[in-house]
C-alpha atoms as a PDB file:
ATOM      1  CA  MET A   1      -1.218  24.285  12.414  1.00  0.00           C
ATOM      2  CA  PRO A   2      -1.538  20.585  12.648  1.00  0.00           C
ATOM      3  CA  CYS A   3      -2.713  18.576   9.872  1.00  0.00           C
ATOM      4  CA  ARG A   4      -4.887  15.199  10.163  1.00  0.00           C
ATOM      5  CA  TYR A   5      -3.244  12.564  12.292  1.00  0.00           C
ATOM      6  CA  GLY A   6      -1.972  15.638  14.456  1.00  0.00           C
ATOM      7  CA  VAL A   7       1.128  15.979  12.667  1.00  0.00           C
ATOM      8  CA  PRO A   8       3.187  19.337  11.783  1.00  0.00           C
ATOM      9  CA  VAL A   9       2.278  21.226   8.666  1.00  0.00           C
ATOM     10  CA  SER A  10       6.017  20.360   7.848  1.00  0.00           C
ATOM     11  CA  ASP A  11       5.125  16.524   7.419  1.00  0.00           C
ATOM     12  CA  ARG A  12       1.820  16.807   5.601  1.00  0.00           C
ATOM     13  CA  ILE A  13       3.242  16.022   2.407  1.00  0.00           C
ATOM     14  CA  PRO A  14       5.060  12.922   3.471  1.00  0.00           C
ATOM     15  CA  VAL A  15       1.778  11.806   5.287  1.00  0.00           C
ATOM     16  CA  GLU A  16      -0.187  12.442   1.970  1.00  0.00           C
ATOM     17  CA  MET A  17       2.468  10.636  -0.340  1.00  0.00           C
ATOM     18  CA  ILE A  18       2.233   7.675   1.916  1.00  0.00           C
ATOM     19  CA  GLU A  19      -1.855   7.861   1.615  1.00  0.00           C
ATOM     20  CA  ALA A  20      -1.621   8.125  -1.899  1.00  0.00           C
ATOM     21  CA  ASP A  21       0.554   5.083  -2.234  1.00  0.00           C
ATOM     22  CA  PHE A  22      -1.589   2.874  -0.129  1.00  0.00           C
ATOM     23  CA  GLU A  23      -5.029   4.050  -2.362  1.00  0.00           C
ATOM     24  CA  MET A  24      -2.913   2.964  -5.459  1.00  0.00           C
ATOM     25  CA  ALA A  25      -1.821  -0.257  -3.864  1.00  0.00           C
ATOM     26  CA  PHE A  26      -5.115  -1.352  -3.103  1.00  0.00           C
ATOM     27  CA  CYS A  27      -6.246  -0.512  -6.253  1.00  0.00           C
ATOM     28  CA  LEU A  28      -3.712  -2.407  -7.993  1.00  0.00           C
ATOM     29  CA  ILE A  29      -5.236  -5.024  -5.415  1.00  0.00           C
ATOM     30  CA  ASP A  30      -8.501  -4.727  -6.921  1.00  0.00           C
ATOM     31  CA  MET A  31      -7.017  -5.014 -10.544  1.00  0.00           C
ATOM     32  CA  ALA A  32      -5.574  -8.458  -9.597  1.00  0.00           C
ATOM     33  CA  GLU A  33      -8.596  -9.631  -7.790  1.00  0.00           C
ATOM     34  CA  THR A  34     -10.433  -8.773 -11.185  1.00  0.00           C
ATOM     35  CA  GLU A  35      -8.182 -10.204 -13.331  1.00  0.00           C
ATOM     36  CA  TYR A  36      -7.930 -13.476 -11.312  1.00  0.00           C
ATOM     37  CA  ILE A  37     -11.505 -13.989 -11.516  1.00  0.00           C
ATOM     38  CA  ARG A  38     -11.532 -13.352 -15.440  1.00  0.00           C
ATOM     39  CA  ARG A  39      -8.416 -15.994 -15.117  1.00  0.00           C
ATOM     40  CA  ASP A  40      -5.551 -13.907 -16.568  1.00  0.00           C
ATOM     41  CA  PRO A  41      -2.643 -14.886 -14.702  1.00  0.00           C
ATOM     42  CA  SER A  42      -0.211 -12.736 -16.646  1.00  0.00           C
ATOM     43  CA  SER A  43      -2.254  -9.571 -15.613  1.00  0.00           C
ATOM     44  CA  VAL A  44      -2.603 -10.999 -12.043  1.00  0.00           C
ATOM     45  CA  ALA A  45       1.144 -11.244 -11.664  1.00  0.00           C
ATOM     46  CA  GLY A  46       1.728  -7.928 -13.199  1.00  0.00           C
ATOM     47  CA  ALA A  47      -0.862  -6.045 -10.715  1.00  0.00           C
ATOM     48  CA  LEU A  48       0.908  -7.920  -8.031  1.00  0.00           C
ATOM     49  CA  HIS A  49       4.285  -7.131  -9.000  1.00  0.00           C
ATOM     50  CA  ALA A  50       3.453  -3.311  -9.024  1.00  0.00           C
ATOM     51  CA  ALA A  51       1.528  -3.480  -5.833  1.00  0.00           C
ATOM     52  CA  GLY A  52       4.700  -5.063  -4.144  1.00  0.00           C
ATOM     53  CA  ASP A  53       6.748  -2.313  -6.088  1.00  0.00           C
ATOM     54  CA  VAL A  54       4.005   0.164  -4.092  1.00  0.00           C
ATOM     55  CA  LEU A  55       4.433  -1.556  -0.642  1.00  0.00           C
ATOM     56  CA  ALA A  56       8.266  -1.314  -1.028  1.00  0.00           C
ATOM     57  CA  ASP A  57       7.937   2.436  -1.475  1.00  0.00           C
ATOM     58  CA  ILE A  58       5.361   2.833   1.000  1.00  0.00           C
ATOM     59  CA  GLU A  59       7.926   1.046   3.807  1.00  0.00           C
ATOM     60  CA  THR A  60      10.757   3.469   2.373  1.00  0.00           C
ATOM     61  CA  ARG A  61       8.621   6.396   2.773  1.00  0.00           C
ATOM     62  CA  LEU A  62       7.583   5.304   6.489  1.00  0.00           C
ATOM     63  CA  THR A  63      11.195   5.204   7.436  1.00  0.00           C
ATOM     64  CA  ARG A  64      11.198   8.933   6.917  1.00  0.00           C
ATOM     65  CA  LEU A  65       8.380   9.678   8.976  1.00  0.00           C
ATOM     66  CA  PRO A  66       8.873  10.579  12.665  1.00  0.00           C
ATOM     67  CA  LEU A  67       8.939   7.440  14.834  1.00  0.00           C
ATOM     68  CA  GLU A  68       5.900   8.331  16.728  1.00  0.00           C
ATOM     69  CA  MET A  69       3.910   8.706  13.505  1.00  0.00           C
ATOM     70  CA  ARG A  70       4.948   5.436  11.850  1.00  0.00           C
ATOM     71  CA  PRO A  71       2.361   3.002  13.706  1.00  0.00           C
ATOM     72  CA  LEU A  72      -0.553   5.046  12.451  1.00  0.00           C
ATOM     73  CA  PHE A  73       0.426   3.365   9.143  1.00  0.00           C
ATOM     74  CA  ASP A  74       0.388  -0.274  10.842  1.00  0.00           C
ATOM     75  CA  SER A  75      -3.284  -1.572  10.342  1.00  0.00           C
ATOM     76  CA  LEU A  76      -2.980  -0.233   6.664  1.00  0.00           C
ATOM     77  CA  LEU A  77       0.221  -1.913   6.171  1.00  0.00           C
ATOM     78  CA  ASP A  78      -0.740  -5.397   7.852  1.00  0.00           C
ATOM     79  CA  GLU A  79      -4.226  -5.436   5.436  1.00  0.00           C
ATOM     80  CA  LEU A  80      -2.035  -4.622   2.576  1.00  0.00           C
ATOM     81  CA  ARG A  81       0.468  -7.619   3.178  1.00  0.00           C
ATOM     82  CA  LYS A  82      -2.489  -9.686   3.800  1.00  0.00           C
ATOM     83  CA  GLU A  83      -3.992  -9.025   0.590  1.00  0.00           C
ATOM     84  CA  ILE A  84      -0.941  -9.242  -1.678  1.00  0.00           C
ATOM     85  CA  SER A  85      -0.317 -12.578   0.299  1.00  0.00           C
ATOM     86  CA  SER A  86      -4.063 -13.793  -0.315  1.00  0.00           C
ATOM     87  CA  ILE A  87      -3.822 -13.450  -4.030  1.00  0.00           C
ATOM     88  CA  THR A  88      -0.573 -14.915  -4.401  1.00  0.00           C
ATOM     89  CA  GLN A  89      -1.385 -18.069  -2.737  1.00  0.00           C
ATOM     90  CA  ARG A  90      -4.624 -18.348  -4.481  1.00  0.00           C
ATOM     91  CA  GLN A  91      -2.652 -17.777  -8.076  1.00  0.00           C
ATOM     92  CA  ALA A  92      -0.102 -20.388  -6.871  1.00  0.00           C
END
C-alpha cells in the first residue's frame, strides 16, 4: 500500500524522517529570526549552526532515497538553503 508522495511502504520511514528534519530546520530558522530581532548574535549563530547540521542530515538522507523520489523535496531544500543564507547575510 503506497503512502504519501506515492512511495511504497518500505520508504515511508525514510520519507517521514526527512519531513521531520525539515520541520526541525525551519523551527531553528524561526528561532534564529527571533534571536536576530532580539539582537542576540550568539543565539542566532547557534540556531543557524544547528539548522546547517540538520540541512546536512537532510542531504544525506536524500541520497538514500530512490532517485525518482529526491526531486519531491527540491523546493523545500531550496527554501531552507535560502532562509539560512538570508539570515546569515543579515547577521554579517
